[in-house]
């Protein structure tokens, strides 16, 4: 597919990269590629951060485009370059409960089916792949780079918790400060 982003400071590029990876995972593809003009340096930097490597160039009627390729298999040690792949054999595992009002704002792609489409806004913390979680909870300082965190959406008390609370996402800790 083709897409254009009107950059306006809300990390919309991250959102599109995430959608690209979501589709690749759903389709079980071996690799993905993008073509991009070198004038789009910020987007090239973002794609490179998430594991895309220059494979070559492509001549088109609009000029020469870079061809960037990304394997959908674990390569190297970088969490960013391997996103969205998670290596559960490394690090410890934790469970993090989030109240619904925070869960959906932070992880819009993990919202419940019953939540309306108007819940997701075009703002930085919604669009970004990398999330920042502030915690004052005892033990949070024990988290380490590479630890897995399962996100659990607590009940919204609109019905039995059995039907209204669920583990929605698996995240990997990048750093703790």
C-alpha atoms as a PDB file:
ATOM      1  CA  UNK A   1       0.000   0.000   0.000  1.00  0.00           C
ATOM      2  CA  UNK A   2       0.940   3.622  -0.316  1.00  0.00           C
ATOM      3  CA  UNK A   3       0.568   6.183   2.415  1.00  0.00           C
ATOM      4  CA  UNK A   4       1.570   9.744   3.034  1.00  0.00           C
ATOM      5  CA  UNK A   5       1.910  11.335   6.419  1.00  0.00           C
ATOM      6  CA  UNK A   6       1.373  15.002   7.099  1.00  0.00           C
ATOM      7  CA  UNK A   7       3.785  15.250  10.022  1.00  0.00           C
ATOM      8  CA  UNK A   8       2.303  17.402  12.753  1.00  0.00           C
ATOM      9  CA  UNK A   9       4.029  16.318  15.942  1.00  0.00           C
ATOM     10  CA  UNK A  10       1.742  13.458  17.033  1.00  0.00           C
ATOM     11  CA  UNK A  11       3.991  10.486  16.166  1.00  0.00           C
ATOM     12  CA  UNK A  12       1.688   9.456  13.330  1.00  0.00           C
ATOM     13  CA  UNK A  13       4.706   7.830  11.642  1.00  0.00           C
ATOM     14  CA  UNK A  14       4.962   5.435  14.612  1.00  0.00           C
ATOM     15  CA  UNK A  15       1.279   4.568  14.222  1.00  0.00           C
ATOM     16  CA  UNK A  16       1.728   3.694  10.540  1.00  0.00           C
ATOM     17  CA  UNK A  17       4.856   1.625  11.252  1.00  0.00           C
ATOM     18  CA  UNK A  18       2.900  -0.270  13.904  1.00  0.00           C
ATOM     19  CA  UNK A  19       0.068  -0.894  11.450  1.00  0.00           C
ATOM     20  CA  UNK A  20       2.595  -2.183   8.901  1.00  0.00           C
ATOM     21  CA  UNK A  21       3.976  -4.651  11.460  1.00  0.00           C
ATOM     22  CA  UNK A  22       0.478  -5.655  12.610  1.00  0.00           C
ATOM     23  CA  UNK A  23      -0.412  -6.563   9.037  1.00  0.00           C
ATOM     24  CA  UNK A  24       2.878  -8.393   8.470  1.00  0.00           C
ATOM     25  CA  UNK A  25       2.331 -10.482  11.610  1.00  0.00           C
ATOM     26  CA  UNK A  26      -1.279 -11.258  10.675  1.00  0.00           C
ATOM     27  CA  UNK A  27      -0.188 -12.372   7.194  1.00  0.00           C
ATOM     28  CA  UNK A  28       2.831 -14.364   8.522  1.00  0.00           C
ATOM     29  CA  UNK A  29       5.191 -12.757   6.015  1.00  0.00           C
ATOM     30  CA  UNK A  30       8.943 -13.395   6.056  1.00  0.00           C
ATOM     31  CA  UNK A  31       9.940  -9.799   5.389  1.00  0.00           C
ATOM     32  CA  UNK A  32       8.522  -6.390   4.570  1.00  0.00           C
ATOM     33  CA  UNK A  33       9.919  -3.581   2.483  1.00  0.00           C
ATOM     34  CA  UNK A  34       9.256   0.070   1.857  1.00  0.00           C
ATOM     35  CA  UNK A  35      10.365   2.449  -0.827  1.00  0.00           C
ATOM     36  CA  UNK A  36      11.010   5.999   0.247  1.00  0.00           C
ATOM     37  CA  UNK A  37      12.619   9.133  -1.134  1.00  0.00           C
ATOM     38  CA  UNK A  38      15.756  10.170   0.729  1.00  0.00           C
ATOM     39  CA  UNK A  39      14.256  13.608   1.406  1.00  0.00           C
ATOM     40  CA  UNK A  40      12.111  11.955   4.111  1.00  0.00           C
ATOM     41  CA  UNK A  41      15.008  11.690   6.567  1.00  0.00           C
ATOM     42  CA  UNK A  42      12.905  11.579   9.785  1.00  0.00           C
ATOM     43  CA  UNK A  43      10.838   8.670   8.462  1.00  0.00           C
ATOM     44  CA  UNK A  44      13.975   6.852   7.270  1.00  0.00           C
ATOM     45  CA  UNK A  45      15.437   7.299  10.766  1.00  0.00           C
ATOM     46  CA  UNK A  46      12.255   5.867  12.300  1.00  0.00           C
ATOM     47  CA  UNK A  47      12.228   2.878   9.947  1.00  0.00           C
ATOM     48  CA  UNK A  48      15.924   2.238  10.594  1.00  0.00           C
ATOM     49  CA  UNK A  49      15.291   2.310  14.342  1.00  0.00           C
ATOM     50  CA  UNK A  50      12.761  -0.480  13.840  1.00  0.00           C
ATOM     51  CA  UNK A  51      15.124  -2.699  11.893  1.00  0.00           C
ATOM     52  CA  UNK A  52      14.789  -1.635   8.274  1.00  0.00           C
ATOM     53  CA  UNK A  53      18.036  -1.812   6.331  1.00  0.00           C
ATOM     54  CA  UNK A  54      18.939  -0.332   2.964  1.00  0.00           C
ATOM     55  CA  UNK A  55      18.660  -3.021   0.305  1.00  0.00           C
ATOM     56  CA  UNK A  56      19.020  -0.889  -2.821  1.00  0.00           C
ATOM     57  CA  UNK A  57      17.364   1.801  -4.894  1.00  0.00           C
ATOM     58  CA  UNK A  58      14.459   1.936  -7.305  1.00  0.00           C
ATOM     59  CA  UNK A  59      14.160   4.333 -10.229  1.00  0.00           C
ATOM     60  CA  UNK A  60      10.693   5.804 -10.732  1.00  0.00           C
ATOM     61  CA  UNK A  61       9.157   8.644 -12.702  1.00  0.00           C
ATOM     62  CA  UNK A  62       9.347  10.784  -9.546  1.00  0.00           C
ATOM     63  CA  UNK A  63      13.040  10.099  -8.950  1.00  0.00           C
ATOM     64  CA  UNK A  64      15.141   7.501  -7.184  1.00  0.00           C
ATOM     65  CA  UNK A  65      13.700   5.850  -4.108  1.00  0.00           C
ATOM     66  CA  UNK A  66      15.516   3.936  -1.396  1.00  0.00           C
ATOM     67  CA  UNK A  67      14.397   0.350  -0.860  1.00  0.00           C
ATOM     68  CA  UNK A  68      14.438  -0.587   2.831  1.00  0.00           C
ATOM     69  CA  UNK A  69      13.863  -4.195   3.913  1.00  0.00           C
ATOM     70  CA  UNK A  70      13.052  -5.681   7.300  1.00  0.00           C
ATOM     71  CA  UNK A  71      13.056  -9.372   8.247  1.00  0.00           C
ATOM     72  CA  UNK A  72      10.157 -10.525  10.388  1.00  0.00           C
ATOM     73  CA  UNK A  73      12.438 -12.953  12.267  1.00  0.00           C
ATOM     74  CA  UNK A  74      14.472 -12.219  15.386  1.00  0.00           C
ATOM     75  CA  UNK A  75      17.863 -10.788  14.424  1.00  0.00           C
ATOM     76  CA  UNK A  76      20.489  -9.391  16.758  1.00  0.00           C
ATOM     77  CA  UNK A  77      19.791  -8.128  20.253  1.00  0.00           C
ATOM     78  CA  UNK A  78      18.057  -4.774  19.836  1.00  0.00           C
ATOM     79  CA  UNK A  79      14.493  -4.636  21.160  1.00  0.00           C
ATOM     80  CA  UNK A  80      13.632  -1.841  18.756  1.00  0.00           C
ATOM     81  CA  UNK A  81      15.043  -3.560  15.685  1.00  0.00           C
ATOM     82  CA  UNK A  82      13.104  -6.729  16.513  1.00  0.00           C
ATOM     83  CA  UNK A  83       9.790  -5.044  17.323  1.00  0.00           C
ATOM     84  CA  UNK A  84       7.061  -6.404  17.404  1.00  0.00           C
ATOM     85  CA  UNK A  85       8.737  -9.732  18.147  1.00  0.00           C
ATOM     86  CA  UNK A  86       9.102 -10.618  21.823  1.00  0.00           C
ATOM     87  CA  UNK A  87      11.628 -13.078  23.177  1.00  0.00           C
ATOM     88  CA  UNK A  88       9.945 -14.509  26.257  1.00  0.00           C
ATOM     89  CA  UNK A  89      12.922 -16.721  27.120  1.00  0.00           C
ATOM     90  CA  UNK A  90      14.893 -13.642  28.220  1.00  0.00           C
ATOM     91  CA  UNK A  91      14.232 -11.733  31.397  1.00  0.00           C
ATOM     92  CA  UNK A  92      11.515 -12.004  34.014  1.00  0.00           C
ATOM     93  CA  UNK A  93       7.774 -11.772  33.428  1.00  0.00           C
ATOM     94  CA  UNK A  94       5.433  -9.341  35.149  1.00  0.00           C
ATOM     95  CA  UNK A  95       1.726  -8.491  35.147  1.00  0.00           C
ATOM     96  CA  UNK A  96       0.637  -4.841  35.040  1.00  0.00           C
ATOM     97  CA  UNK A  97      -3.007  -3.988  35.680  1.00  0.00           C
ATOM     98  CA  UNK A  98      -4.351  -0.815  34.096  1.00  0.00           C
ATOM     99  CA  UNK A  99      -7.721   0.784  34.719  1.00  0.00           C
ATOM    100  CA  UNK A 100      -9.840   1.004  31.543  1.00  0.00           C
ATOM    101  CA  UNK A 101      -9.640   4.814  31.290  1.00  0.00           C
ATOM    102  CA  UNK A 102      -5.830   4.606  31.123  1.00  0.00           C
ATOM    103  CA  UNK A 103      -5.541   1.328  29.231  1.00  0.00           C
ATOM    104  CA  UNK A 104      -7.305   2.424  26.075  1.00  0.00           C
ATOM    105  CA  UNK A 105      -5.576   5.790  25.941  1.00  0.00           C
ATOM    106  CA  UNK A 106      -2.143   4.180  26.261  1.00  0.00           C
ATOM    107  CA  UNK A 107      -2.807   1.079  24.119  1.00  0.00           C
ATOM    108  CA  UNK A 108      -5.529   1.974  21.599  1.00  0.00           C
ATOM    109  CA  UNK A 109      -4.967  -1.138  19.477  1.00  0.00           C
ATOM    110  CA  UNK A 110      -5.820  -3.273  22.499  1.00  0.00           C
ATOM    111  CA  UNK A 111      -9.202  -1.716  23.214  1.00  0.00           C
ATOM    112  CA  UNK A 112     -12.246  -3.881  23.732  1.00  0.00           C
ATOM    113  CA  UNK A 113     -14.555  -4.495  20.788  1.00  0.00           C
ATOM    114  CA  UNK A 114     -17.379  -2.766  22.666  1.00  0.00           C
ATOM    115  CA  UNK A 115     -15.436   0.490  22.945  1.00  0.00           C
ATOM    116  CA  UNK A 116     -16.315   2.909  20.177  1.00  0.00           C
ATOM    117  CA  UNK A 117     -13.916   4.058  17.444  1.00  0.00           C
ATOM    118  CA  UNK A 118     -13.976   7.610  18.808  1.00  0.00           C
ATOM    119  CA  UNK A 119     -11.858   6.460  21.782  1.00  0.00           C
ATOM    120  CA  UNK A 120      -8.618   6.646  19.738  1.00  0.00           C
ATOM    121  CA  UNK A 121      -7.290  10.167  19.203  1.00  0.00           C
ATOM    122  CA  UNK A 122      -4.428  11.427  17.034  1.00  0.00           C
ATOM    123  CA  UNK A 123      -2.104  12.313  19.905  1.00  0.00           C
ATOM    124  CA  UNK A 124       1.489  11.336  20.692  1.00  0.00           C
ATOM    125  CA  UNK A 125       0.961   8.854  23.517  1.00  0.00           C
ATOM    126  CA  UNK A 126      -1.721   7.062  21.501  1.00  0.00           C
ATOM    127  CA  UNK A 127       0.333   6.832  18.303  1.00  0.00           C
ATOM    128  CA  UNK A 128       3.769   6.043  19.705  1.00  0.00           C
ATOM    129  CA  UNK A 129       5.090   2.494  19.721  1.00  0.00           C
ATOM    130  CA  UNK A 130       7.313   3.073  22.730  1.00  0.00           C
ATOM    131  CA  UNK A 131       5.366   3.909  25.882  1.00  0.00           C
ATOM    132  CA  UNK A 132       6.408   5.582  29.097  1.00  0.00           C
ATOM    133  CA  UNK A 133       4.808   4.281  32.252  1.00  0.00           C
ATOM    134  CA  UNK A 134       5.194   6.198  35.503  1.00  0.00           C
ATOM    135  CA  UNK A 135       4.861   4.109  38.628  1.00  0.00           C
ATOM    136  CA  UNK A 136       5.173   4.816  42.291  1.00  0.00           C
ATOM    137  CA  UNK A 137       4.594   1.210  43.168  1.00  0.00           C
ATOM    138  CA  UNK A 138       7.061  -0.658  45.338  1.00  0.00           C
ATOM    139  CA  UNK A 139       9.039  -3.155  43.286  1.00  0.00           C
ATOM    140  CA  UNK A 140       8.768  -1.272  39.965  1.00  0.00           C
ATOM    141  CA  UNK A 141      12.473  -0.434  40.245  1.00  0.00           C
ATOM    142  CA  UNK A 142      13.230  -4.170  39.937  1.00  0.00           C
ATOM    143  CA  UNK A 143      12.164  -4.223  36.286  1.00  0.00           C
ATOM    144  CA  UNK A 144      15.098  -4.637  33.898  1.00  0.00           C
ATOM    145  CA  UNK A 145      15.785  -4.228  30.203  1.00  0.00           C
ATOM    146  CA  UNK A 146      14.298  -7.207  28.357  1.00  0.00           C
ATOM    147  CA  UNK A 147      11.717  -8.146  31.003  1.00  0.00           C
ATOM    148  CA  UNK A 148       8.262  -8.949  29.618  1.00  0.00           C
ATOM    149  CA  UNK A 149       5.181  -7.207  30.957  1.00  0.00           C
ATOM    150  CA  UNK A 150       1.700  -8.561  30.304  1.00  0.00           C
ATOM    151  CA  UNK A 151      -0.829  -5.739  30.339  1.00  0.00           C
ATOM    152  CA  UNK A 152      -4.090  -6.590  32.076  1.00  0.00           C
ATOM    153  CA  UNK A 153      -7.117  -4.343  31.542  1.00  0.00           C
ATOM    154  CA  UNK A 154      -9.156  -4.318  34.729  1.00  0.00           C
ATOM    155  CA  UNK A 155     -12.941  -4.389  34.760  1.00  0.00           C
ATOM    156  CA  UNK A 156     -14.903  -1.202  34.122  1.00  0.00           C
ATOM    157  CA  UNK A 157     -17.661  -2.478  36.432  1.00  0.00           C
ATOM    158  CA  UNK A 158     -20.187  -2.433  33.567  1.00  0.00           C
ATOM    159  CA  UNK A 159     -20.731  -6.168  33.976  1.00  0.00           C
ATOM    160  CA  UNK A 160     -19.067  -9.243  35.457  1.00  0.00           C
ATOM    161  CA  UNK A 161     -15.263  -8.912  35.523  1.00  0.00           C
ATOM    162  CA  UNK A 162     -15.090 -12.326  33.838  1.00  0.00           C
ATOM    163  CA  UNK A 163     -16.351 -10.626  30.651  1.00  0.00           C
ATOM    164  CA  UNK A 164     -14.950  -7.137  31.170  1.00  0.00           C
ATOM    165  CA  UNK A 165     -11.297  -7.646  32.147  1.00  0.00           C
ATOM    166  CA  UNK A 166      -8.631  -9.234  29.999  1.00  0.00           C
ATOM    167  CA  UNK A 167      -4.904  -9.547  29.328  1.00  0.00           C
ATOM    168  CA  UNK A 168      -4.468  -7.465  26.178  1.00  0.00           C
ATOM    169  CA  UNK A 169      -0.819  -6.858  25.380  1.00  0.00           C
ATOM    170  CA  UNK A 170       2.721  -8.036  25.897  1.00  0.00           C
ATOM    171  CA  UNK A 171       5.367  -5.354  26.245  1.00  0.00           C
ATOM    172  CA  UNK A 172       9.111  -5.458  26.768  1.00  0.00           C
ATOM    173  CA  UNK A 173      10.932  -3.150  29.175  1.00  0.00           C
ATOM    174  CA  UNK A 174      13.459  -0.946  27.438  1.00  0.00           C
ATOM    175  CA  UNK A 175      14.766   0.939  30.465  1.00  0.00           C
ATOM    176  CA  UNK A 176      13.839   1.885  34.007  1.00  0.00           C
ATOM    177  CA  UNK A 177      14.732   5.223  35.566  1.00  0.00           C
END
